[in-house]
Amino acid sequence: MLDTSRSTACHRVAHGWTVVMTVAAMLAMAALAEAHDFWLVPNAFENRSGGQLEIRGQTSSRFPTSESAVTIDRVADARFLGASTVERIVDLSISGKSLRLRHRPATPGQQVIAVRLHPRSVRESAAGFRRYLELEGAPDALARVDREGLLRGRDSVTRRYAKYAKAIVEVGRDGPRAFSRTADHPLEFVPEQDPATLAVGDTLRARLLYRGQALAGIRIHADAVEWSGSRTTTQPRPTPAGAQGANPQPAEHHVTDAEGNVRVAITRAGLWNIRTIHLVQSDSGSGADWDTHWATLVFHASGRGSRR
């Protein structure tokens, strides 16, 4: 005769393991998703005055593609920053795997598009945290963790992360310049010279700021892809398909100097980005043990400088 109690118990154990494995898989997928960079990719980098500009918020590990869309509720702040103006972006939606932002700038001139995402927290094992530092290229933070024994005796830690993205575009022609304007993001890149002047053979100089102060000794990554569409547009359109990772250039790695500056040689025309992460012990009373800040900057470099 069948032992139904034993069968039921086995079924419950099997079901319990299924739930555990499912939850573990979901946590792993969530950790993978949050580890991706967040970029702003405009549909054009030169736009007529009064025209509507469309920007894609892209989330992935391969610039400028997107593997998943940031949900609208995660956007803490989205703005167009002119030389002396601020315009809020309120038209937000989801388009496929991208966050879509639309705005019709009222002020001509160069604009810095700035988006800040709300922070999120994740609980992970101490070993998982060390692995995270290894994968994300934070050897200095990992060395400090090991040197000071910051994980000694701990089974798990809570890590909070937030992301900040900027892109630089032109509205109209010969308007006031805004490239050096800060967005007051906790972590951000601020160009030292106008990206609109950059051509192949030039060097981008940018400063990395953390809470308004220059950040030295931080690893920076830079790469570019071809921009197969027109540099300019008079009508809003999706990001050109050819820009989605066409002939990507291998990422270059740099380290900020004592003044927080990084220099990136422009080796090809196209869509460029620089990006980094900065991890610190939390002192905000948020309940997190560590805070991870992600920052990106996107700009276009032509085969010849457009503003000399």
C-alpha atoms as a PDB file:
ATOM      1  CA  MET A   1       0.000   0.000   0.000  1.00  0.00           C
ATOM      2  CA  LEU A   2       1.262   3.483  -0.860  1.00  0.00           C
ATOM      3  CA  ASP A   3       2.659   5.505   2.064  1.00  0.00           C
ATOM      4  CA  THR A   4       0.773   8.722   1.348  1.00  0.00           C
ATOM      5  CA  SER A   5       2.305  10.609   4.297  1.00  0.00           C
ATOM      6  CA  ARG A   6       5.826   9.910   3.010  1.00  0.00           C
ATOM      7  CA  SER A   7       4.771  10.825  -0.541  1.00  0.00           C
ATOM      8  CA  THR A   8       3.253  14.070   0.685  1.00  0.00           C
ATOM      9  CA  ALA A   9       6.387  14.887   2.692  1.00  0.00           C
ATOM     10  CA  CYS A  10       8.621  14.235  -0.319  1.00  0.00           C
ATOM     11  CA  HIS A  11       6.382  16.422  -2.454  1.00  0.00           C
ATOM     12  CA  ARG A  12       6.623  19.253   0.085  1.00  0.00           C
ATOM     13  CA  VAL A  13      10.419  18.970   0.210  1.00  0.00           C
ATOM     14  CA  ALA A  14      10.623  18.979  -3.591  1.00  0.00           C
ATOM     15  CA  HIS A  15       8.279  21.947  -3.769  1.00  0.00           C
ATOM     16  CA  GLY A  16      10.328  23.736  -1.108  1.00  0.00           C
ATOM     17  CA  TRP A  17      13.526  23.246  -3.100  1.00  0.00           C
ATOM     18  CA  THR A  18      11.776  24.473  -6.232  1.00  0.00           C
ATOM     19  CA  VAL A  19      10.756  27.665  -4.435  1.00  0.00           C
ATOM     20  CA  VAL A  20      14.275  28.130  -3.053  1.00  0.00           C
ATOM     21  CA  MET A  21      15.875  27.631  -6.458  1.00  0.00           C
ATOM     22  CA  THR A  22      13.356  29.920  -8.129  1.00  0.00           C
ATOM     23  CA  VAL A  23      13.966  32.684  -5.595  1.00  0.00           C
ATOM     24  CA  ALA A  24      17.726  32.205  -5.944  1.00  0.00           C
ATOM     25  CA  ALA A  25      17.455  32.472  -9.726  1.00  0.00           C
ATOM     26  CA  MET A  26      15.350  35.614  -9.447  1.00  0.00           C
ATOM     27  CA  LEU A  27      17.877  37.174  -7.076  1.00  0.00           C
ATOM     28  CA  ALA A  28      20.715  36.279  -9.429  1.00  0.00           C
ATOM     29  CA  MET A  29      18.864  37.828 -12.368  1.00  0.00           C
ATOM     30  CA  ALA A  30      18.115  40.968 -10.341  1.00  0.00           C
ATOM     31  CA  ALA A  31      21.768  41.256  -9.328  1.00  0.00           C
ATOM     32  CA  LEU A  32      22.816  40.884 -12.965  1.00  0.00           C
ATOM     33  CA  ALA A  33      20.351  43.513 -14.136  1.00  0.00           C
ATOM     34  CA  GLU A  34      21.400  46.083 -11.552  1.00  0.00           C
ATOM     35  CA  ALA A  35      25.068  45.544 -12.445  1.00  0.00           C
ATOM     36  CA  HIS A  36      24.531  47.022 -15.940  1.00  0.00           C
ATOM     37  CA  ASP A  37      25.449  50.564 -16.935  1.00  0.00           C
ATOM     38  CA  PHE A  38      22.741  53.113 -17.738  1.00  0.00           C
ATOM     39  CA  TRP A  39      23.243  55.394 -20.777  1.00  0.00           C
ATOM     40  CA  LEU A  40      21.316  58.197 -22.455  1.00  0.00           C
ATOM     41  CA  VAL A  41      21.318  57.896 -26.269  1.00  0.00           C
ATOM     42  CA  PRO A  42      19.644  60.807 -28.137  1.00  0.00           C
ATOM     43  CA  ASN A  43      18.123  60.291 -31.575  1.00  0.00           C
ATOM     44  CA  ALA A  44      20.385  63.116 -32.810  1.00  0.00           C
ATOM     45  CA  PHE A  45      23.135  65.315 -31.413  1.00  0.00           C
ATOM     46  CA  GLU A  46      22.252  68.443 -33.413  1.00  0.00           C
ATOM     47  CA  ASN A  47      18.603  69.497 -33.433  1.00  0.00           C
ATOM     48  CA  ARG A  48      16.681  72.423 -34.857  1.00  0.00           C
ATOM     49  CA  SER A  49      15.265  74.998 -32.441  1.00  0.00           C
ATOM     50  CA  GLY A  50      11.713  74.121 -31.452  1.00  0.00           C
ATOM     51  CA  GLY A  51      12.060  70.490 -32.505  1.00  0.00           C
ATOM     52  CA  GLN A  52      11.285  67.520 -30.292  1.00  0.00           C
ATOM     53  CA  LEU A  53      14.191  65.439 -29.073  1.00  0.00           C
ATOM     54  CA  GLU A  54      13.861  61.761 -28.174  1.00  0.00           C
ATOM     55  CA  ILE A  55      16.309  60.058 -25.826  1.00  0.00           C
ATOM     56  CA  ARG A  56      16.633  56.356 -25.092  1.00  0.00           C
ATOM     57  CA  GLY A  57      17.623  55.246 -21.592  1.00  0.00           C
ATOM     58  CA  GLN A  58      19.677  52.112 -22.256  1.00  0.00           C
ATOM     59  CA  THR A  59      20.573  49.477 -19.655  1.00  0.00           C
ATOM     60  CA  SER A  60      23.143  46.785 -20.465  1.00  0.00           C
ATOM     61  CA  SER A  61      26.802  45.854 -20.303  1.00  0.00           C
ATOM     62  CA  ARG A  62      27.396  46.613 -24.014  1.00  0.00           C
ATOM     63  CA  PHE A  63      27.163  50.225 -25.142  1.00  0.00           C
ATOM     64  CA  PRO A  64      24.758  51.466 -26.459  1.00  0.00           C
ATOM     65  CA  THR A  65      22.377  48.492 -26.478  1.00  0.00           C
ATOM     66  CA  SER A  66      19.666  47.819 -23.914  1.00  0.00           C
ATOM     67  CA  GLU A  67      18.677  44.526 -22.341  1.00  0.00           C
ATOM     68  CA  SER A  68      15.863  45.836 -20.148  1.00  0.00           C
ATOM     69  CA  ALA A  69      13.903  49.045 -19.658  1.00  0.00           C
ATOM     70  CA  VAL A  70      14.253  51.122 -16.531  1.00  0.00           C
ATOM     71  CA  THR A  71      10.743  51.579 -15.150  1.00  0.00           C
ATOM     72  CA  ILE A  72       9.371  55.108 -14.982  1.00  0.00           C
ATOM     73  CA  ASP A  73       8.983  55.014 -11.198  1.00  0.00           C
ATOM     74  CA  ARG A  74      12.756  54.610 -10.857  1.00  0.00           C
ATOM     75  CA  VAL A  75      13.436  58.023 -12.431  1.00  0.00           C
ATOM     76  CA  ALA A  76      14.149  60.450  -9.608  1.00  0.00           C
ATOM     77  CA  ASP A  77      14.975  63.421 -11.810  1.00  0.00           C
ATOM     78  CA  ALA A  78      15.254  64.172 -15.554  1.00  0.00           C
ATOM     79  CA  ARG A  79      16.336  67.580 -16.866  1.00  0.00           C
ATOM     80  CA  PHE A  80      17.706  69.574 -19.793  1.00  0.00           C
ATOM     81  CA  LEU A  81      20.432  71.901 -18.500  1.00  0.00           C
ATOM     82  CA  GLY A  82      21.321  74.874 -20.673  1.00  0.00           C
ATOM     83  CA  ALA A  83      24.067  77.370 -19.953  1.00  0.00           C
ATOM     84  CA  SER A  84      21.742  79.167 -17.514  1.00  0.00           C
ATOM     85  CA  THR A  85      18.413  77.321 -17.810  1.00  0.00           C
ATOM     86  CA  VAL A  86      16.724  74.221 -16.402  1.00  0.00           C
ATOM     87  CA  GLU A  87      13.875  72.377 -18.143  1.00  0.00           C
ATOM     88  CA  ARG A  88      12.206  69.327 -16.612  1.00  0.00           C
ATOM     89  CA  ILE A  89      11.538  66.267 -18.762  1.00  0.00           C
ATOM     90  CA  VAL A  90       8.039  64.989 -17.998  1.00  0.00           C
ATOM     91  CA  ASP A  91       7.245  62.883 -21.081  1.00  0.00           C
ATOM     92  CA  LEU A  92       8.498  59.453 -19.990  1.00  0.00           C
ATOM     93  CA  SER A  93       7.425  56.079 -21.378  1.00  0.00           C
ATOM     94  CA  ILE A  94       8.669  52.572 -22.116  1.00  0.00           C
ATOM     95  CA  SER A  95       9.525  51.522 -25.670  1.00  0.00           C
ATOM     96  CA  GLY A  96      10.572  47.890 -25.962  1.00  0.00           C
ATOM     97  CA  LYS A  97      13.685  47.421 -23.854  1.00  0.00           C
ATOM     98  CA  SER A  98      14.325  51.154 -23.488  1.00  0.00           C
ATOM     99  CA  LEU A  99      13.177  53.970 -21.259  1.00  0.00           C
ATOM    100  CA  ARG A 100      12.013  56.722 -23.631  1.00  0.00           C
ATOM    101  CA  LEU A 101      12.224  60.422 -22.796  1.00  0.00           C
ATOM    102  CA  ARG A 102      10.775  63.118 -25.044  1.00  0.00           C
ATOM    103  CA  HIS A 103      11.241  66.849 -24.737  1.00  0.00           C
ATOM    104  CA  ARG A 104      10.976  69.983 -26.867  1.00  0.00           C
ATOM    105  CA  PRO A 105      13.684  72.353 -25.555  1.00  0.00           C
ATOM    106  CA  ALA A 106      12.456  75.932 -25.259  1.00  0.00           C
ATOM    107  CA  THR A 107      15.955  77.415 -25.150  1.00  0.00           C
ATOM    108  CA  PRO A 108      18.475  77.193 -27.993  1.00  0.00           C
ATOM    109  CA  GLY A 109      22.087  76.333 -27.329  1.00  0.00           C
ATOM    110  CA  GLN A 110      24.050  73.385 -26.048  1.00  0.00           C
ATOM    111  CA  GLN A 111      22.158  71.217 -23.543  1.00  0.00           C
ATOM    112  CA  VAL A 112      23.235  68.662 -20.968  1.00  0.00           C
ATOM    113  CA  ILE A 113      20.603  65.949 -20.561  1.00  0.00           C
ATOM    114  CA  ALA A 114      20.810  64.647 -16.982  1.00  0.00           C
ATOM    115  CA  VAL A 115      18.897  61.718 -15.469  1.00  0.00           C
ATOM    116  CA  ARG A 116      19.190  60.377 -11.927  1.00  0.00           C
ATOM    117  CA  LEU A 117      17.661  57.065 -10.834  1.00  0.00           C
ATOM    118  CA  HIS A 118      16.372  56.310  -7.362  1.00  0.00           C
ATOM    119  CA  PRO A 119      18.686  54.102  -5.270  1.00  0.00           C
ATOM    120  CA  ARG A 120      17.862  50.455  -4.670  1.00  0.00           C
ATOM    121  CA  SER A 121      19.235  47.937  -2.172  1.00  0.00           C
ATOM    122  CA  VAL A 122      20.263  44.312  -2.501  1.00  0.00           C
ATOM    123  CA  ARG A 123      21.213  41.810   0.186  1.00  0.00           C
ATOM    124  CA  GLU A 124      23.960  39.372  -0.752  1.00  0.00           C
ATOM    125  CA  SER A 125      26.449  36.989   0.819  1.00  0.00           C
ATOM    126  CA  ALA A 126      29.900  38.211   1.779  1.00  0.00           C
ATOM    127  CA  ALA A 127      31.360  35.988  -0.941  1.00  0.00           C
ATOM    128  CA  GLY A 128      28.869  37.398  -3.450  1.00  0.00           C
ATOM    129  CA  PHE A 129      29.889  40.939  -2.498  1.00  0.00           C
ATOM    130  CA  ARG A 130      33.570  40.135  -3.072  1.00  0.00           C
ATOM    131  CA  ARG A 131      32.678  38.613  -6.427  1.00  0.00           C
ATOM    132  CA  TYR A 132      30.708  41.745  -7.302  1.00  0.00           C
ATOM    133  CA  LEU A 133      33.781  43.897  -6.642  1.00  0.00           C
ATOM    134  CA  GLU A 134      35.897  41.649  -8.849  1.00  0.00           C
ATOM    135  CA  LEU A 135      33.421  41.652 -11.746  1.00  0.00           C
ATOM    136  CA  GLU A 136      32.826  45.402 -11.641  1.00  0.00           C
ATOM    137  CA  GLY A 137      36.513  46.304 -11.742  1.00  0.00           C
ATOM    138  CA  ALA A 138      36.827  47.777  -8.254  1.00  0.00           C
ATOM    139  CA  PRO A 139      40.196  46.327  -7.176  1.00  0.00           C
ATOM    140  CA  ASP A 140      40.967  49.191  -4.806  1.00  0.00           C
ATOM    141  CA  ALA A 141      37.730  48.669  -2.891  1.00  0.00           C
ATOM    142  CA  LEU A 142      38.328  44.914  -2.794  1.00  0.00           C
ATOM    143  CA  ALA A 143      41.886  45.427  -1.521  1.00  0.00           C
ATOM    144  CA  ARG A 144      40.599  47.686   1.237  1.00  0.00           C
ATOM    145  CA  VAL A 145      37.893  45.184   2.209  1.00  0.00           C
ATOM    146  CA  ASP A 146      40.514  42.469   2.568  1.00  0.00           C
ATOM    147  CA  ARG A 147      43.142  44.677   4.215  1.00  0.00           C
ATOM    148  CA  GLU A 148      40.803  46.035   6.881  1.00  0.00           C
ATOM    149  CA  GLY A 149      38.859  42.813   7.347  1.00  0.00           C
ATOM    150  CA  LEU A 150      35.571  44.565   6.649  1.00  0.00           C
ATOM    151  CA  LEU A 151      33.793  41.293   5.871  1.00  0.00           C
ATOM    152  CA  ARG A 152      35.338  39.265   8.676  1.00  0.00           C
ATOM    153  CA  GLY A 153      32.692  37.297  10.555  1.00  0.00           C
ATOM    154  CA  ARG A 154      29.876  38.480   8.276  1.00  0.00           C
ATOM    155  CA  ASP A 155      27.571  36.163   6.369  1.00  0.00           C
ATOM    156  CA  SER A 156      25.954  38.880   4.275  1.00  0.00           C
ATOM    157  CA  VAL A 157      25.959  42.602   3.511  1.00  0.00           C
ATOM    158  CA  THR A 158      23.438  45.119   2.160  1.00  0.00           C
ATOM    159  CA  ARG A 159      24.587  47.121  -0.833  1.00  0.00           C
ATOM    160  CA  ARG A 160      22.670  50.150  -2.117  1.00  0.00           C
ATOM    161  CA  TYR A 161      23.184  51.322  -5.692  1.00  0.00           C
ATOM    162  CA  ALA A 162      22.151  54.351  -7.734  1.00  0.00           C
ATOM    163  CA  LYS A 163      22.818  55.423 -11.320  1.00  0.00           C
ATOM    164  CA  TYR A 164      23.357  58.799 -12.956  1.00  0.00           C
ATOM    165  CA  ALA A 165      23.568  59.482 -16.704  1.00  0.00           C
ATOM    166  CA  LYS A 166      24.376  62.518 -18.845  1.00  0.00           C
ATOM    167  CA  ALA A 167      24.478  63.249 -22.597  1.00  0.00           C
ATOM    168  CA  ILE A 168      25.369  66.433 -24.489  1.00  0.00           C
ATOM    169  CA  VAL A 169      23.382  67.720 -27.489  1.00  0.00           C
ATOM    170  CA  GLU A 170      22.988  70.889 -29.546  1.00  0.00           C
ATOM    171  CA  VAL A 171      19.721  72.800 -30.053  1.00  0.00           C
ATOM    172  CA  GLY A 172      19.880  75.283 -32.913  1.00  0.00           C
ATOM    173  CA  ARG A 173      23.271  76.663 -33.903  1.00  0.00           C
ATOM    174  CA  ASP A 174      25.878  78.782 -32.150  1.00  0.00           C
ATOM    175  CA  GLY A 175      23.976  79.010 -28.879  1.00  0.00           C
ATOM    176  CA  PRO A 176      25.544  79.354 -25.421  1.00  0.00           C
ATOM    177  CA  ARG A 177      27.692  76.434 -24.276  1.00  0.00           C
ATOM    178  CA  ALA A 178      26.657  74.228 -21.353  1.00  0.00           C
ATOM    179  CA  PHE A 179      29.196  71.351 -21.375  1.00  0.00           C
ATOM    180  CA  SER A 180      30.862  72.440 -18.115  1.00  0.00           C
ATOM    181  CA  ARG A 181      27.611  72.706 -16.171  1.00  0.00           C
ATOM    182  CA  THR A 182      27.214  70.235 -13.310  1.00  0.00           C
ATOM    183  CA  ALA A 183      24.013  68.298 -12.703  1.00  0.00           C
ATOM    184  CA  ASP A 184      24.577  68.006  -8.936  1.00  0.00           C
ATOM    185  CA  HIS A 185      24.595  64.226  -9.215  1.00  0.00           C
ATOM    186  CA  PRO A 186      26.460  62.469  -6.393  1.00  0.00           C
ATOM    187  CA  LEU A 187      28.865  61.130  -9.045  1.00  0.00           C
ATOM    188  CA  GLU A 188      29.321  62.770 -12.460  1.00  0.00           C
ATOM    189  CA  PHE A 189      31.690  63.542 -15.304  1.00  0.00           C
ATOM    190  CA  VAL A 190      32.219  67.200 -16.245  1.00  0.00           C
ATOM    191  CA  PRO A 191      34.067  67.845 -19.552  1.00  0.00           C
ATOM    192  CA  GLU A 192      36.949  70.302 -19.392  1.00  0.00           C
ATOM    193  CA  GLN A 193      36.445  71.320 -23.036  1.00  0.00           C
ATOM    194  CA  ASP A 194      33.521  71.419 -25.459  1.00  0.00           C
ATOM    195  CA  PRO A 195      32.804  67.913 -26.861  1.00  0.00           C
ATOM    196  CA  ALA A 196      31.374  69.581 -29.996  1.00  0.00           C
ATOM    197  CA  THR A 197      34.942  70.509 -30.973  1.00  0.00           C
ATOM    198  CA  LEU A 198      36.239  66.944 -30.749  1.00  0.00           C
ATOM    199  CA  ALA A 199      37.478  65.183 -33.852  1.00  0.00           C
ATOM    200  CA  VAL A 200      39.559  62.095 -34.491  1.00  0.00           C
ATOM    201  CA  GLY A 201      43.023  62.732 -33.092  1.00  0.00           C
ATOM    202  CA  ASP A 202      41.780  65.017 -30.302  1.00  0.00           C
ATOM    203  CA  THR A 203      41.641  64.178 -26.599  1.00  0.00           C
ATOM    204  CA  LEU A 204      38.643  64.508 -24.314  1.00  0.00           C
ATOM    205  CA  ARG A 205      39.513  65.935 -20.910  1.00  0.00           C
ATOM    206  CA  ALA A 206      36.921  65.405 -18.196  1.00  0.00           C
ATOM    207  CA  ARG A 207      36.855  65.658 -14.423  1.00  0.00           C
ATOM    208  CA  LEU A 208      35.155  63.100 -12.181  1.00  0.00           C
ATOM    209  CA  LEU A 209      33.331  64.612  -9.215  1.00  0.00           C
ATOM    210  CA  TYR A 210      31.978  62.845  -6.147  1.00  0.00           C
ATOM    211  CA  ARG A 211      29.645  65.067  -4.154  1.00  0.00           C
ATOM    212  CA  GLY A 212      31.213  68.080  -5.834  1.00  0.00           C
ATOM    213  CA  GLN A 213      34.825  67.133  -5.073  1.00  0.00           C
ATOM    214  CA  ALA A 214      37.428  65.812  -7.520  1.00  0.00           C
ATOM    215  CA  LEU A 215      37.846  62.055  -7.244  1.00  0.00           C
ATOM    216  CA  ALA A 216      41.378  60.704  -7.772  1.00  0.00           C
ATOM    217  CA  GLY A 217      42.571  57.175  -8.501  1.00  0.00           C
ATOM    218  CA  ILE A 218      39.279  55.871  -9.958  1.00  0.00           C
ATOM    219  CA  ARG A 219      39.205  53.484 -12.908  1.00  0.00           C
ATOM    220  CA  ILE A 220      37.392  54.857 -15.972  1.00  0.00           C
ATOM    221  CA  HIS A 221      36.178  52.946 -19.029  1.00  0.00           C
ATOM    222  CA  ALA A 222      35.704  54.518 -22.462  1.00  0.00           C
ATOM    223  CA  ASP A 223      34.553  53.144 -25.807  1.00  0.00           C
ATOM    224  CA  ALA A 224      32.734  54.080 -28.995  1.00  0.00           C
ATOM    225  CA  VAL A 225      30.500  52.696 -31.741  1.00  0.00           C
ATOM    226  CA  GLU A 226      29.770  53.887 -35.253  1.00  0.00           C
ATOM    227  CA  TRP A 227      26.870  56.306 -35.648  1.00  0.00           C
ATOM    228  CA  SER A 228      25.356  55.193 -38.945  1.00  0.00           C
ATOM    229  CA  GLY A 229      22.492  57.663 -38.924  1.00  0.00           C
ATOM    230  CA  SER A 230      22.670  61.382 -39.607  1.00  0.00           C
ATOM    231  CA  ARG A 231      24.234  63.539 -36.939  1.00  0.00           C
ATOM    232  CA  THR A 232      21.294  65.926 -37.303  1.00  0.00           C
ATOM    233  CA  THR A 233      17.548  65.522 -37.578  1.00  0.00           C
ATOM    234  CA  THR A 234      14.483  67.728 -37.860  1.00  0.00           C
ATOM    235  CA  GLN A 235      11.982  65.057 -36.907  1.00  0.00           C
ATOM    236  CA  PRO A 236      11.966  62.797 -33.840  1.00  0.00           C
ATOM    237  CA  ARG A 237      12.928  59.248 -34.755  1.00  0.00           C
ATOM    238  CA  PRO A 238      14.180  56.134 -32.981  1.00  0.00           C
ATOM    239  CA  THR A 239      17.866  55.650 -32.355  1.00  0.00           C
ATOM    240  CA  PRO A 240      19.326  54.382 -35.669  1.00  0.00           C
ATOM    241  CA  ALA A 241      19.533  50.609 -35.728  1.00  0.00           C
ATOM    242  CA  GLY A 242      23.126  50.832 -36.916  1.00  0.00           C
ATOM    243  CA  ALA A 243      24.070  52.613 -33.690  1.00  0.00           C
ATOM    244  CA  GLN A 244      23.074  49.638 -31.595  1.00  0.00           C
ATOM    245  CA  GLY A 245      26.563  48.293 -31.102  1.00  0.00           C
ATOM    246  CA  ALA A 246      27.775  48.543 -34.716  1.00  0.00           C
ATOM    247  CA  ASN A 247      31.511  47.755 -34.868  1.00  0.00           C
ATOM    248  CA  PRO A 248      32.165  48.488 -31.196  1.00  0.00           C
ATOM    249  CA  GLN A 249      35.631  49.676 -30.235  1.00  0.00           C
ATOM    250  CA  PRO A 250      37.294  47.669 -27.443  1.00  0.00           C
ATOM    251  CA  ALA A 251      36.921  49.496 -24.132  1.00  0.00           C
ATOM    252  CA  GLU A 252      39.879  51.560 -22.972  1.00  0.00           C
ATOM    253  CA  HIS A 253      40.766  51.782 -19.306  1.00  0.00           C
ATOM    254  CA  HIS A 254      42.075  54.890 -17.573  1.00  0.00           C
ATOM    255  CA  VAL A 255      42.610  56.118 -14.013  1.00  0.00           C
ATOM    256  CA  THR A 256      41.810  59.642 -12.820  1.00  0.00           C
ATOM    257  CA  ASP A 257      44.815  61.703 -11.739  1.00  0.00           C
ATOM    258  CA  ALA A 258      45.319  63.591  -8.477  1.00  0.00           C
ATOM    259  CA  GLU A 259      42.925  66.349  -9.671  1.00  0.00           C
ATOM    260  CA  GLY A 260      40.243  63.849 -10.714  1.00  0.00           C
ATOM    261  CA  ASN A 261      40.978  64.348 -14.420  1.00  0.00           C
ATOM    262  CA  VAL A 262      40.845  61.695 -17.131  1.00  0.00           C
ATOM    263  CA  ARG A 263      42.076  62.029 -20.718  1.00  0.00           C
ATOM    264  CA  VAL A 264      40.537  59.910 -23.472  1.00  0.00           C
ATOM    265  CA  ALA A 265      42.017  59.897 -26.975  1.00  0.00           C
ATOM    266  CA  ILE A 266      39.352  60.161 -29.691  1.00  0.00           C
ATOM    267  CA  THR A 267      40.444  57.412 -32.077  1.00  0.00           C
ATOM    268  CA  ARG A 268      37.341  57.199 -34.243  1.00  0.00           C
ATOM    269  CA  ALA A 269      34.250  59.173 -35.190  1.00  0.00           C
ATOM    270  CA  GLY A 270      30.977  58.060 -33.648  1.00  0.00           C
ATOM    271  CA  LEU A 271      29.019  57.677 -30.464  1.00  0.00           C
ATOM    272  CA  TRP A 272      31.301  57.791 -27.404  1.00  0.00           C
ATOM    273  CA  ASN A 273      30.767  57.098 -23.730  1.00  0.00           C
ATOM    274  CA  ILE A 274      32.830  57.230 -20.576  1.00  0.00           C
ATOM    275  CA  ARG A 275      31.655  55.430 -17.454  1.00  0.00           C
ATOM    276  CA  THR A 276      32.690  54.400 -13.958  1.00  0.00           C
ATOM    277  CA  ILE A 277      31.466  53.136 -10.594  1.00  0.00           C
ATOM    278  CA  HIS A 278      32.462  54.329  -7.145  1.00  0.00           C
ATOM    279  CA  LEU A 279      31.853  52.237  -4.046  1.00  0.00           C
ATOM    280  CA  VAL A 280      32.016  53.626  -0.497  1.00  0.00           C
ATOM    281  CA  GLN A 281      30.977  52.506   2.956  1.00  0.00           C
ATOM    282  CA  SER A 282      27.554  53.919   3.708  1.00  0.00           C
ATOM    283  CA  ASP A 283      27.288  56.690   6.282  1.00  0.00           C
ATOM    284  CA  SER A 284      23.795  57.893   5.413  1.00  0.00           C
ATOM    285  CA  GLY A 285      21.821  55.934   7.975  1.00  0.00           C
ATOM    286  CA  SER A 286      20.011  54.141   5.160  1.00  0.00           C
ATOM    287  CA  GLY A 287      20.621  50.706   6.621  1.00  0.00           C
ATOM    288  CA  ALA A 288      22.988  49.773   3.797  1.00  0.00           C
ATOM    289  CA  ASP A 289      26.564  48.711   4.464  1.00  0.00           C
ATOM    290  CA  TRP A 290      27.896  49.941   1.117  1.00  0.00           C
ATOM    291  CA  ASP A 291      26.818  52.506  -1.493  1.00  0.00           C
ATOM    292  CA  THR A 292      27.613  51.981  -5.178  1.00  0.00           C
ATOM    293  CA  HIS A 293      27.392  54.971  -7.503  1.00  0.00           C
ATOM    294  CA  TRP A 294      27.346  54.557 -11.319  1.00  0.00           C
ATOM    295  CA  ALA A 295      27.992  57.450 -13.728  1.00  0.00           C
ATOM    296  CA  THR A 296      28.034  57.704 -17.534  1.00  0.00           C
ATOM    297  CA  LEU A 297      28.532  60.474 -20.094  1.00  0.00           C
ATOM    298  CA  VAL A 298      27.590  60.146 -23.796  1.00  0.00           C
ATOM    299  CA  PHE A 299      28.688  62.513 -26.595  1.00  0.00           C
ATOM    300  CA  HIS A 300      29.290  62.524 -30.338  1.00  0.00           C
ATOM    301  CA  ALA A 301      32.717  62.935 -31.962  1.00  0.00           C
ATOM    302  CA  SER A 302      32.920  63.683 -35.679  1.00  0.00           C
ATOM    303  CA  GLY A 303      35.611  63.007 -38.240  1.00  0.00           C
ATOM    304  CA  ARG A 304      36.412  66.709 -38.003  1.00  0.00           C
ATOM    305  CA  GLY A 305      35.747  69.303 -35.320  1.00  0.00           C
ATOM    306  CA  SER A 306      32.530  71.245 -35.907  1.00  0.00           C
ATOM    307  CA  ARG A 307      33.335  74.249 -33.719  1.00  0.00           C
ATOM    308  CA  ARG A 308      36.942  75.436 -33.947  1.00  0.00           C
END
